[in-house]
Amino acid sequence: MDLGELPINLATIPLLMVYEDRKEREKEIIRFVIEHYDELRKYGNFLFTLHIRALKEVLKEMDLSNLRGLELDVPEIIDLLGLDRIVEAAGKGKLIQKIGLKEVIEMEGEEKVIEMIGEDKLIEKIGPKKAFKIVSRYLSRGQIEELLEENTKGD
């Protein structure tokens, strides 16, 4: 049976989900599934696994405002494609930009971020004088003198 010869309708879609010969035909199948998504909801994830490139092309060609009712099972898509693959495709920088660096730091915790950077590297980046100015805001003169004495005893 040549799947390329089958008409595209609700009855033939289960068979046509595995079709991949002529790109234009594949795009016609995808358009049909999108246009009849209410009836063909269960085939939506097949588009992401079997026809991702053609789906991407079709979505670029279509007026996406008509797709607001398209309810894709995103967790299922993530399971099927794998989170690592999605992160790689989207790009870590884009994801951090979308989430927001401040929120990423809040999610991880400032202490963990400082630990990852390293205290010495952090001071190197901000400069010792600036680090001293920052620390001196939180210490009394006596505490600063005490710290200086402790650090010069070993010299």
Protein backbone atom coordinates (compact mmCIF):
# COMPACT_ATOMS: atom_id res chain seq x y z
CA MET A 1 0.00 0.00 0.00
CA ASP A 2 1.39 3.39 -0.99
CA LEU A 3 0.57 5.80 1.83
CA GLY A 4 1.27 8.68 -0.52
CA GLU A 5 -1.85 7.75 -2.51
CA LEU A 6 -4.25 7.64 0.44
CA PRO A 7 -6.64 10.56 0.78
CA ILE A 8 -6.06 12.72 3.84
CA ASN A 9 -9.10 12.40 6.09
CA LEU A 10 -10.01 11.45 9.65
CA ALA A 11 -10.08 7.73 8.82
CA THR A 12 -6.62 7.62 7.19
CA ILE A 13 -4.69 9.79 9.65
CA PRO A 14 -3.61 6.84 11.87
CA LEU A 15 -1.87 5.30 8.84
CA LEU A 16 -0.52 8.59 7.56
CA MET A 17 1.20 9.40 10.85
CA VAL A 18 4.12 7.19 9.74
CA TYR A 19 4.29 8.65 6.21
CA GLU A 20 7.54 10.34 5.27
CA ASP A 21 8.31 10.42 1.58
CA ARG A 22 7.41 13.67 -0.15
CA LYS A 23 7.88 16.70 2.06
CA GLU A 24 4.90 18.58 0.59
CA ARG A 25 2.61 15.61 1.27
CA GLU A 26 3.92 15.36 4.82
CA LYS A 27 3.15 19.05 5.33
CA GLU A 28 -0.40 18.52 3.99
CA ILE A 29 -0.91 15.77 6.59
CA ILE A 30 0.37 18.04 9.36
CA ARG A 31 -1.89 20.90 8.27
CA PHE A 32 -4.85 18.52 8.32
CA VAL A 33 -4.05 17.33 11.85
CA ILE A 34 -3.67 20.93 13.07
CA GLU A 35 -6.90 22.05 11.38
CA HIS A 36 -8.80 19.07 12.87
CA TYR A 37 -7.01 19.06 16.18
CA ASP A 38 -10.16 18.65 18.27
CA GLU A 39 -10.87 15.31 16.58
CA LEU A 40 -7.22 14.28 16.25
CA ARG A 41 -5.81 15.47 19.57
CA LYS A 42 -4.28 12.06 20.31
CA TYR A 43 -1.99 12.36 17.27
CA GLY A 44 -0.49 15.70 18.28
CA ASN A 45 2.51 14.14 19.99
CA PHE A 46 3.28 12.04 16.90
CA LEU A 47 3.84 15.29 15.04
CA PHE A 48 6.58 16.18 17.50
CA THR A 49 8.32 12.82 17.33
CA LEU A 50 7.90 11.76 13.71
CA HIS A 51 7.47 15.01 11.81
CA ILE A 52 9.18 17.72 13.85
CA ARG A 53 10.97 19.42 10.93
CA ALA A 54 7.91 19.49 8.71
CA LEU A 55 5.76 20.63 11.65
CA LYS A 56 8.15 23.51 12.28
CA GLU A 57 7.91 24.56 8.62
CA VAL A 58 4.12 24.33 8.61
CA LEU A 59 3.82 26.38 11.80
CA LYS A 60 6.07 29.07 10.30
CA GLU A 61 3.79 29.22 7.24
CA MET A 62 0.54 29.30 9.22
CA ASP A 63 -1.21 32.11 11.04
CA LEU A 64 -0.40 31.04 14.60
CA SER A 65 -3.25 33.08 16.08
CA ASN A 66 -5.52 30.25 14.90
CA LEU A 67 -3.59 27.76 17.04
CA ARG A 68 -4.53 29.14 20.45
CA GLY A 69 -6.84 26.18 21.04
CA LEU A 70 -4.07 23.72 20.22
CA GLU A 71 -3.50 22.03 23.56
CA LEU A 72 -0.30 20.05 23.38
CA ASP A 73 0.76 17.80 26.22
CA VAL A 74 4.02 19.62 26.92
CA PRO A 75 5.20 17.26 29.72
CA GLU A 76 4.61 14.35 27.34
CA ILE A 77 6.58 16.12 24.60
CA ILE A 78 9.42 16.74 27.06
CA ASP A 79 9.37 13.04 28.01
CA LEU A 80 9.40 11.99 24.37
CA LEU A 81 12.16 14.35 23.24
CA GLY A 82 14.13 14.44 26.46
CA LEU A 83 14.80 17.56 28.48
CA ASP A 84 18.50 17.60 27.55
CA ARG A 85 17.61 17.67 23.85
CA ILE A 86 15.12 20.50 24.39
CA VAL A 87 17.63 22.53 26.43
CA GLU A 88 20.27 21.95 23.75
CA ALA A 89 17.87 23.00 21.00
CA ALA A 90 16.65 26.10 22.84
CA GLY A 91 20.06 27.08 24.14
CA LYS A 92 20.94 27.54 27.80
CA GLY A 93 21.46 31.27 27.32
CA LYS A 94 17.98 31.73 25.86
CA LEU A 95 16.43 29.73 28.68
CA ILE A 96 18.25 31.72 31.36
CA GLN A 97 17.27 34.94 29.58
CA LYS A 98 13.62 33.81 29.49
CA ILE A 99 13.59 32.80 33.16
CA GLY A 100 15.74 35.73 34.25
CA LEU A 101 19.20 35.48 35.78
CA LYS A 102 17.97 36.92 39.09
CA GLU A 103 15.31 34.21 39.34
CA VAL A 104 17.84 31.49 38.46
CA ILE A 105 20.11 32.75 41.25
CA GLU A 106 17.15 32.87 43.66
CA MET A 107 16.20 29.32 42.66
CA GLU A 108 19.72 28.03 43.32
CA GLY A 109 20.38 30.24 46.32
CA GLU A 110 22.96 32.98 46.62
CA GLU A 111 25.18 30.87 48.90
CA LYS A 112 25.35 28.10 46.31
CA VAL A 113 26.19 30.60 43.54
CA ILE A 114 28.97 32.12 45.67
CA GLU A 115 30.24 28.62 46.46
CA MET A 116 30.25 27.75 42.75
CA ILE A 117 32.13 30.95 41.85
CA GLY A 118 34.47 30.65 44.83
CA GLU A 119 35.15 33.36 47.38
CA ASP A 120 38.63 34.13 46.02
CA LYS A 121 37.32 34.44 42.46
CA LEU A 122 34.47 36.66 43.68
CA ILE A 123 36.89 39.03 45.44
CA GLU A 124 39.18 38.94 42.41
CA LYS A 125 36.25 40.01 40.20
CA ILE A 126 35.05 42.86 42.42
CA GLY A 127 38.56 43.89 43.49
CA PRO A 128 40.10 43.75 46.97
CA LYS A 129 39.55 47.47 47.72
CA LYS A 130 35.87 47.27 46.83
CA ALA A 131 35.53 44.03 48.83
CA PHE A 132 37.14 45.75 51.82
CA LYS A 133 34.78 48.74 51.51
CA ILE A 134 31.79 46.38 51.43
CA VAL A 135 33.00 44.35 54.42
CA SER A 136 33.90 47.47 56.41
CA ARG A 137 30.25 48.62 56.27
CA TYR A 138 29.32 45.63 58.42
CA LEU A 139 32.20 45.71 60.89
CA SER A 140 33.24 48.09 63.62
CA ARG A 141 36.70 49.67 63.63
CA GLY A 142 37.67 47.33 66.47
CA GLN A 143 36.55 44.25 64.52
CA ILE A 144 38.53 45.38 61.46
CA GLU A 145 41.66 45.93 63.58
CA GLU A 146 41.17 42.51 65.18
CA LEU A 147 40.90 40.84 61.74
CA LEU A 148 43.99 42.66 60.51
CA GLU A 149 45.96 41.52 63.56
CA GLU A 150 44.82 37.89 63.06
CA ASN A 151 45.89 37.93 59.42
CA THR A 152 49.28 39.57 60.03
CA LYS A 153 50.31 37.22 62.90
CA GLY A 154 51.05 34.43 60.40
CA ASP A 155 53.39 36.66 58.34
